[in-house]
Amino acid sequence: NVSSKNASSNISFKDSIKTKLVSILLAVAAVPLTIAVIVSYQTSTTKAKNDALNLLTSDAKVVEGKFATIVQQNVIALQTCASAQSTIDYLKTFNQSGADKKRELILAQMDAINTNINDGNTNCILSISTGDQLIRTDRKDSTNIADRAYFQECWANKAIAVSEIVISKAAGNRIVIIIVPVIDPSSGEMIG
């Protein structure tokens, strides 16, 4: 018996059959578990990304639809204001005596447009061919917009133009401008 005890004690811990069996069992259990965790992580991450993209795409479509509706409402309101005889008369006579009453009428009409659309925009502007602004519903100082691409496009094409995002000269905030030409029906010329 003594000789068998001495023989077993000569075997090191790392060379022991028990140690090797435990190591093999741990490896057999750990490798599939590790693979399962990696696959599960990849699958759930991919699904989460796809779900987020689908949700964002859906939200973007809703926002795009709402934005298109607001733009269309603004275009219709601006076209109505631009084609109103009172607007045309004011642009023809803005620098003559008695134009102040016409100006107040136009300003009231433009304020009503802002109130009716109620899209968070409080500014509607009437400009002349030089780019000088005559009326601003935000009551800020008038500026000249002749250097703006949307103004030049509108005058060149005599048609509605929509700007890229620009920095407002008067307010300093980022805005998109919808510009509608005012055409004098008697001459066919663009006057504002």
C-alpha atoms as a PDB file:
ATOM      1  CA  ASN A   1       0.000   0.000   0.000  1.00  0.00           C
ATOM      2  CA  VAL A   2       2.796   2.309   0.767  1.00  0.00           C
ATOM      3  CA  SER A   3       4.222   1.914  -2.692  1.00  0.00           C
ATOM      4  CA  SER A   4       0.920   2.793  -4.373  1.00  0.00           C
ATOM      5  CA  LYS A   5       0.606   5.962  -2.264  1.00  0.00           C
ATOM      6  CA  ASN A   6       4.082   7.014  -3.266  1.00  0.00           C
ATOM      7  CA  ALA A   7       3.314   6.399  -6.916  1.00  0.00           C
ATOM      8  CA  SER A   8       0.190   8.563  -6.837  1.00  0.00           C
ATOM      9  CA  SER A   9       1.924  11.363  -5.030  1.00  0.00           C
ATOM     10  CA  ASN A  10       4.613  11.518  -7.705  1.00  0.00           C
ATOM     11  CA  ILE A  11       2.013  12.662 -10.288  1.00  0.00           C
ATOM     12  CA  SER A  12       1.840  16.456 -10.497  1.00  0.00           C
ATOM     13  CA  PHE A  13      -1.473  18.324 -10.262  1.00  0.00           C
ATOM     14  CA  LYS A  14      -1.426  19.385 -13.905  1.00  0.00           C
ATOM     15  CA  ASP A  15      -0.672  15.840 -15.080  1.00  0.00           C
ATOM     16  CA  SER A  16      -3.467  14.364 -13.009  1.00  0.00           C
ATOM     17  CA  ILE A  17      -6.295  12.604 -14.823  1.00  0.00           C
ATOM     18  CA  LYS A  18      -8.804  14.438 -12.645  1.00  0.00           C
ATOM     19  CA  THR A  19      -7.394  17.801 -13.654  1.00  0.00           C
ATOM     20  CA  LYS A  20      -7.409  16.868 -17.319  1.00  0.00           C
ATOM     21  CA  LEU A  21     -10.983  15.535 -17.144  1.00  0.00           C
ATOM     22  CA  VAL A  22     -12.228  18.678 -15.387  1.00  0.00           C
ATOM     23  CA  SER A  23     -10.418  20.876 -17.949  1.00  0.00           C
ATOM     24  CA  ILE A  24     -11.918  18.930 -20.848  1.00  0.00           C
ATOM     25  CA  LEU A  25     -15.407  19.111 -19.323  1.00  0.00           C
ATOM     26  CA  LEU A  26     -15.058  22.852 -18.775  1.00  0.00           C
ATOM     27  CA  ALA A  27     -13.861  23.366 -22.369  1.00  0.00           C
ATOM     28  CA  VAL A  28     -16.686  21.218 -23.723  1.00  0.00           C
ATOM     29  CA  ALA A  29     -19.207  23.320 -21.794  1.00  0.00           C
ATOM     30  CA  ALA A  30     -17.553  26.742 -22.253  1.00  0.00           C
ATOM     31  CA  VAL A  31     -16.910  26.656 -26.006  1.00  0.00           C
ATOM     32  CA  PRO A  32     -20.546  26.080 -27.034  1.00  0.00           C
ATOM     33  CA  LEU A  33     -21.703  28.568 -24.394  1.00  0.00           C
ATOM     34  CA  THR A  34     -19.279  31.195 -25.730  1.00  0.00           C
ATOM     35  CA  ILE A  35     -20.383  30.530 -29.313  1.00  0.00           C
ATOM     36  CA  ALA A  36     -24.048  30.747 -28.273  1.00  0.00           C
ATOM     37  CA  VAL A  37     -23.468  34.084 -26.496  1.00  0.00           C
ATOM     38  CA  ILE A  38     -21.629  35.542 -29.520  1.00  0.00           C
ATOM     39  CA  VAL A  39     -24.308  34.374 -31.970  1.00  0.00           C
ATOM     40  CA  SER A  40     -27.081  35.642 -29.685  1.00  0.00           C
ATOM     41  CA  TYR A  41     -25.353  39.023 -29.329  1.00  0.00           C
ATOM     42  CA  GLN A  42     -24.847  39.377 -33.089  1.00  0.00           C
ATOM     43  CA  THR A  43     -28.433  38.349 -33.832  1.00  0.00           C
ATOM     44  CA  SER A  44     -30.006  40.626 -31.230  1.00  0.00           C
ATOM     45  CA  THR A  45     -27.764  43.561 -32.197  1.00  0.00           C
ATOM     46  CA  THR A  46     -28.604  43.163 -35.879  1.00  0.00           C
ATOM     47  CA  LYS A  47     -32.314  42.894 -35.102  1.00  0.00           C
ATOM     48  CA  ALA A  48     -32.184  45.959 -32.831  1.00  0.00           C
ATOM     49  CA  LYS A  49     -30.406  47.977 -35.544  1.00  0.00           C
ATOM     50  CA  ASN A  50     -32.934  46.897 -38.191  1.00  0.00           C
ATOM     51  CA  ASP A  51     -35.865  47.660 -35.888  1.00  0.00           C
ATOM     52  CA  ALA A  52     -34.424  51.105 -35.104  1.00  0.00           C
ATOM     53  CA  LEU A  53     -33.879  51.840 -38.805  1.00  0.00           C
ATOM     54  CA  ASN A  54     -37.421  50.730 -39.638  1.00  0.00           C
ATOM     55  CA  LEU A  55     -38.821  52.933 -36.870  1.00  0.00           C
ATOM     56  CA  LEU A  56     -36.741  55.915 -37.987  1.00  0.00           C
ATOM     57  CA  THR A  57     -37.808  55.401 -41.606  1.00  0.00           C
ATOM     58  CA  SER A  58     -41.438  55.283 -40.536  1.00  0.00           C
ATOM     59  CA  ASP A  59     -41.029  58.418 -38.399  1.00  0.00           C
ATOM     60  CA  ALA A  60     -39.256  60.201 -41.268  1.00  0.00           C
ATOM     61  CA  LYS A  61     -42.162  59.425 -43.600  1.00  0.00           C
ATOM     62  CA  VAL A  62     -44.640  60.865 -41.092  1.00  0.00           C
ATOM     63  CA  VAL A  63     -42.553  64.021 -40.625  1.00  0.00           C
ATOM     64  CA  GLU A  64     -42.081  64.336 -44.393  1.00  0.00           C
ATOM     65  CA  GLY A  65     -45.845  64.111 -44.913  1.00  0.00           C
ATOM     66  CA  LYS A  66     -46.537  66.743 -42.250  1.00  0.00           C
ATOM     67  CA  PHE A  67     -43.831  69.016 -43.662  1.00  0.00           C
ATOM     68  CA  ALA A  68     -45.215  68.657 -47.201  1.00  0.00           C
ATOM     69  CA  THR A  69     -48.680  69.598 -45.906  1.00  0.00           C
ATOM     70  CA  ILE A  70     -47.318  72.698 -44.157  1.00  0.00           C
ATOM     71  CA  VAL A  71     -45.375  73.719 -47.271  1.00  0.00           C
ATOM     72  CA  GLN A  72     -48.464  73.251 -49.444  1.00  0.00           C
ATOM     73  CA  GLN A  73     -50.594  75.326 -47.057  1.00  0.00           C
ATOM     74  CA  ASN A  74     -47.963  78.064 -47.095  1.00  0.00           C
ATOM     75  CA  VAL A  75     -47.729  78.036 -50.902  1.00  0.00           C
ATOM     76  CA  ILE A  76     -51.502  78.313 -51.293  1.00  0.00           C
ATOM     77  CA  ALA A  77     -51.707  81.144 -48.752  1.00  0.00           C
ATOM     78  CA  LEU A  78     -48.795  83.000 -50.337  1.00  0.00           C
ATOM     79  CA  GLN A  79     -50.237  82.591 -53.824  1.00  0.00           C
ATOM     80  CA  THR A  80     -53.558  83.947 -52.587  1.00  0.00           C
ATOM     81  CA  CYS A  81     -51.854  86.946 -51.008  1.00  0.00           C
ATOM     82  CA  ALA A  82     -49.645  87.521 -54.079  1.00  0.00           C
ATOM     83  CA  SER A  83     -52.602  87.464 -56.456  1.00  0.00           C
ATOM     84  CA  ALA A  84     -54.824  89.718 -54.309  1.00  0.00           C
ATOM     85  CA  GLN A  85     -55.592  93.022 -55.992  1.00  0.00           C
ATOM     86  CA  SER A  86     -54.782  94.874 -52.758  1.00  0.00           C
ATOM     87  CA  THR A  87     -51.231  93.451 -52.838  1.00  0.00           C
ATOM     88  CA  ILE A  88     -50.781  94.375 -56.497  1.00  0.00           C
ATOM     89  CA  ASP A  89     -52.141  97.890 -55.904  1.00  0.00           C
ATOM     90  CA  TYR A  90     -49.842  98.395 -52.915  1.00  0.00           C
ATOM     91  CA  LEU A  91     -46.741  97.292 -54.844  1.00  0.00           C
ATOM     92  CA  LYS A  92     -47.600  99.710 -57.640  1.00  0.00           C
ATOM     93  CA  THR A  93     -48.096 102.658 -55.249  1.00  0.00           C
ATOM     94  CA  PHE A  94     -46.025 101.878 -52.128  1.00  0.00           C
ATOM     95  CA  ASN A  95     -43.927 105.042 -52.511  1.00  0.00           C
ATOM     96  CA  GLN A  96     -46.889 107.383 -53.108  1.00  0.00           C
ATOM     97  CA  SER A  97     -48.924 109.308 -50.562  1.00  0.00           C
ATOM     98  CA  GLY A  98     -51.779 107.345 -49.033  1.00  0.00           C
ATOM     99  CA  ALA A  99     -49.889 104.038 -49.287  1.00  0.00           C
ATOM    100  CA  ASP A 100     -49.795 103.683 -45.496  1.00  0.00           C
ATOM    101  CA  LYS A 101     -53.452 102.591 -45.370  1.00  0.00           C
ATOM    102  CA  LYS A 102     -52.791  99.966 -48.054  1.00  0.00           C
ATOM    103  CA  ARG A 103     -49.703  98.835 -46.154  1.00  0.00           C
ATOM    104  CA  GLU A 104     -51.747  98.297 -42.976  1.00  0.00           C
ATOM    105  CA  LEU A 105     -54.347  96.308 -44.949  1.00  0.00           C
ATOM    106  CA  ILE A 106     -51.639  94.068 -46.459  1.00  0.00           C
ATOM    107  CA  LEU A 107     -49.974  93.639 -43.069  1.00  0.00           C
ATOM    108  CA  ALA A 108     -53.310  92.574 -41.548  1.00  0.00           C
ATOM    109  CA  GLN A 109     -53.829  90.073 -44.380  1.00  0.00           C
ATOM    110  CA  MET A 110     -50.335  88.662 -43.885  1.00  0.00           C
ATOM    111  CA  ASP A 111     -50.884  88.415 -40.106  1.00  0.00           C
ATOM    112  CA  ALA A 112     -54.105  86.497 -40.806  1.00  0.00           C
ATOM    113  CA  ILE A 113     -52.160  84.053 -42.995  1.00  0.00           C
ATOM    114  CA  ASN A 114     -49.761  83.360 -40.112  1.00  0.00           C
ATOM    115  CA  THR A 115     -52.635  82.929 -37.666  1.00  0.00           C
ATOM    116  CA  ASN A 116     -54.598  80.595 -39.930  1.00  0.00           C
ATOM    117  CA  ILE A 117     -51.679  78.348 -40.863  1.00  0.00           C
ATOM    118  CA  ASN A 118     -50.333  78.335 -37.296  1.00  0.00           C
ATOM    119  CA  ASP A 119     -47.170  76.422 -38.209  1.00  0.00           C
ATOM    120  CA  GLY A 120     -44.850  78.209 -35.809  1.00  0.00           C
ATOM    121  CA  ASN A 121     -43.690  80.648 -38.466  1.00  0.00           C
ATOM    122  CA  THR A 122     -44.466  84.230 -37.580  1.00  0.00           C
ATOM    123  CA  ASN A 123     -42.953  85.895 -40.586  1.00  0.00           C
ATOM    124  CA  CYS A 124     -44.378  86.763 -43.947  1.00  0.00           C
ATOM    125  CA  ILE A 125     -42.541  89.328 -46.076  1.00  0.00           C
ATOM    126  CA  LEU A 126     -43.422  91.455 -49.084  1.00  0.00           C
ATOM    127  CA  SER A 127     -40.480  92.604 -51.233  1.00  0.00           C
ATOM    128  CA  ILE A 128     -40.027  94.592 -54.435  1.00  0.00           C
ATOM    129  CA  SER A 129     -37.892  93.879 -57.497  1.00  0.00           C
ATOM    130  CA  THR A 130     -34.750  95.381 -55.926  1.00  0.00           C
ATOM    131  CA  GLY A 131     -34.967  92.854 -53.084  1.00  0.00           C
ATOM    132  CA  ASP A 132     -35.901  95.521 -50.559  1.00  0.00           C
ATOM    133  CA  GLN A 133     -38.468  94.295 -48.071  1.00  0.00           C
ATOM    134  CA  LEU A 134     -41.488  96.552 -47.673  1.00  0.00           C
ATOM    135  CA  ILE A 135     -43.512  94.650 -45.079  1.00  0.00           C
ATOM    136  CA  ARG A 136     -42.491  92.100 -42.435  1.00  0.00           C
ATOM    137  CA  THR A 137     -45.064  90.525 -40.137  1.00  0.00           C
ATOM    138  CA  ASP A 138     -42.407  89.947 -37.460  1.00  0.00           C
ATOM    139  CA  ARG A 139     -41.973  93.761 -37.422  1.00  0.00           C
ATOM    140  CA  LYS A 140     -38.160  93.451 -37.555  1.00  0.00           C
ATOM    141  CA  ASP A 141     -35.998  95.786 -39.613  1.00  0.00           C
ATOM    142  CA  SER A 142     -36.324  95.282 -43.327  1.00  0.00           C
ATOM    143  CA  THR A 143     -33.328  93.914 -45.222  1.00  0.00           C
ATOM    144  CA  ASN A 144     -32.424  93.400 -48.845  1.00  0.00           C
ATOM    145  CA  ILE A 145     -32.567  89.844 -50.165  1.00  0.00           C
ATOM    146  CA  ALA A 146     -31.480  90.471 -53.762  1.00  0.00           C
ATOM    147  CA  ASP A 147     -28.287  88.465 -53.184  1.00  0.00           C
ATOM    148  CA  ARG A 148     -30.169  85.342 -52.096  1.00  0.00           C
ATOM    149  CA  ALA A 149     -30.328  82.459 -54.584  1.00  0.00           C
ATOM    150  CA  TYR A 150     -34.051  81.810 -53.986  1.00  0.00           C
ATOM    151  CA  PHE A 151     -34.860  85.477 -54.777  1.00  0.00           C
ATOM    152  CA  GLN A 152     -32.794  85.402 -57.963  1.00  0.00           C
ATOM    153  CA  GLU A 153     -34.379  82.078 -59.005  1.00  0.00           C
ATOM    154  CA  CYS A 154     -37.903  83.436 -58.471  1.00  0.00           C
ATOM    155  CA  TRP A 155     -37.173  86.566 -60.510  1.00  0.00           C
ATOM    156  CA  ALA A 156     -35.428  84.650 -63.294  1.00  0.00           C
ATOM    157  CA  ASN A 157     -38.224  82.066 -63.651  1.00  0.00           C
ATOM    158  CA  LYS A 158     -41.182  84.177 -62.515  1.00  0.00           C
ATOM    159  CA  ALA A 159     -42.229  81.149 -60.487  1.00  0.00           C
ATOM    160  CA  ILE A 160     -42.346  79.876 -56.924  1.00  0.00           C
ATOM    161  CA  ALA A 161     -38.931  79.088 -55.461  1.00  0.00           C
ATOM    162  CA  VAL A 162     -37.970  77.300 -52.256  1.00  0.00           C
ATOM    163  CA  SER A 163     -34.622  78.022 -50.650  1.00  0.00           C
ATOM    164  CA  GLU A 164     -32.104  75.693 -49.129  1.00  0.00           C
ATOM    165  CA  ILE A 165     -31.693  76.159 -45.390  1.00  0.00           C
ATOM    166  CA  VAL A 166     -30.363  79.699 -44.947  1.00  0.00           C
ATOM    167  CA  ILE A 167     -29.515  81.971 -42.038  1.00  0.00           C
ATOM    168  CA  SER A 168     -32.066  84.771 -41.678  1.00  0.00           C
ATOM    169  CA  LYS A 169     -30.471  88.184 -42.187  1.00  0.00           C
ATOM    170  CA  ALA A 170     -32.876  89.837 -39.741  1.00  0.00           C
ATOM    171  CA  ALA A 171     -33.273  87.165 -37.054  1.00  0.00           C
ATOM    172  CA  GLY A 172     -30.098  85.078 -37.418  1.00  0.00           C
ATOM    173  CA  ASN A 173     -31.918  81.740 -37.198  1.00  0.00           C
ATOM    174  CA  ARG A 174     -31.940  78.857 -39.723  1.00  0.00           C
ATOM    175  CA  ILE A 175     -34.932  79.016 -42.055  1.00  0.00           C
ATOM    176  CA  VAL A 176     -36.344  77.785 -45.334  1.00  0.00           C
ATOM    177  CA  ILE A 177     -37.950  80.433 -47.529  1.00  0.00           C
ATOM    178  CA  ILE A 178     -40.884  79.946 -49.890  1.00  0.00           C
ATOM    179  CA  ILE A 179     -41.011  82.831 -52.331  1.00  0.00           C
ATOM    180  CA  VAL A 180     -44.008  83.493 -54.590  1.00  0.00           C
ATOM    181  CA  PRO A 181     -43.961  86.074 -57.382  1.00  0.00           C
ATOM    182  CA  VAL A 182     -46.493  88.909 -57.512  1.00  0.00           C
ATOM    183  CA  ILE A 183     -47.535  89.378 -61.135  1.00  0.00           C
ATOM    184  CA  ASP A 184     -49.365  92.484 -62.355  1.00  0.00           C
ATOM    185  CA  PRO A 185     -52.231  91.033 -64.419  1.00  0.00           C
ATOM    186  CA  SER A 186     -52.513  94.190 -66.536  1.00  0.00           C
ATOM    187  CA  SER A 187     -48.920  94.040 -67.778  1.00  0.00           C
ATOM    188  CA  GLY A 188     -47.948  90.421 -67.045  1.00  0.00           C
ATOM    189  CA  GLU A 189     -44.816  91.739 -65.304  1.00  0.00           C
ATOM    190  CA  MET A 190     -43.485  90.563 -61.993  1.00  0.00           C
ATOM    191  CA  ILE A 191     -43.638  93.456 -59.532  1.00  0.00           C
ATOM    192  CA  GLY A 192     -42.858  91.813 -56.206  1.00  0.00           C
END
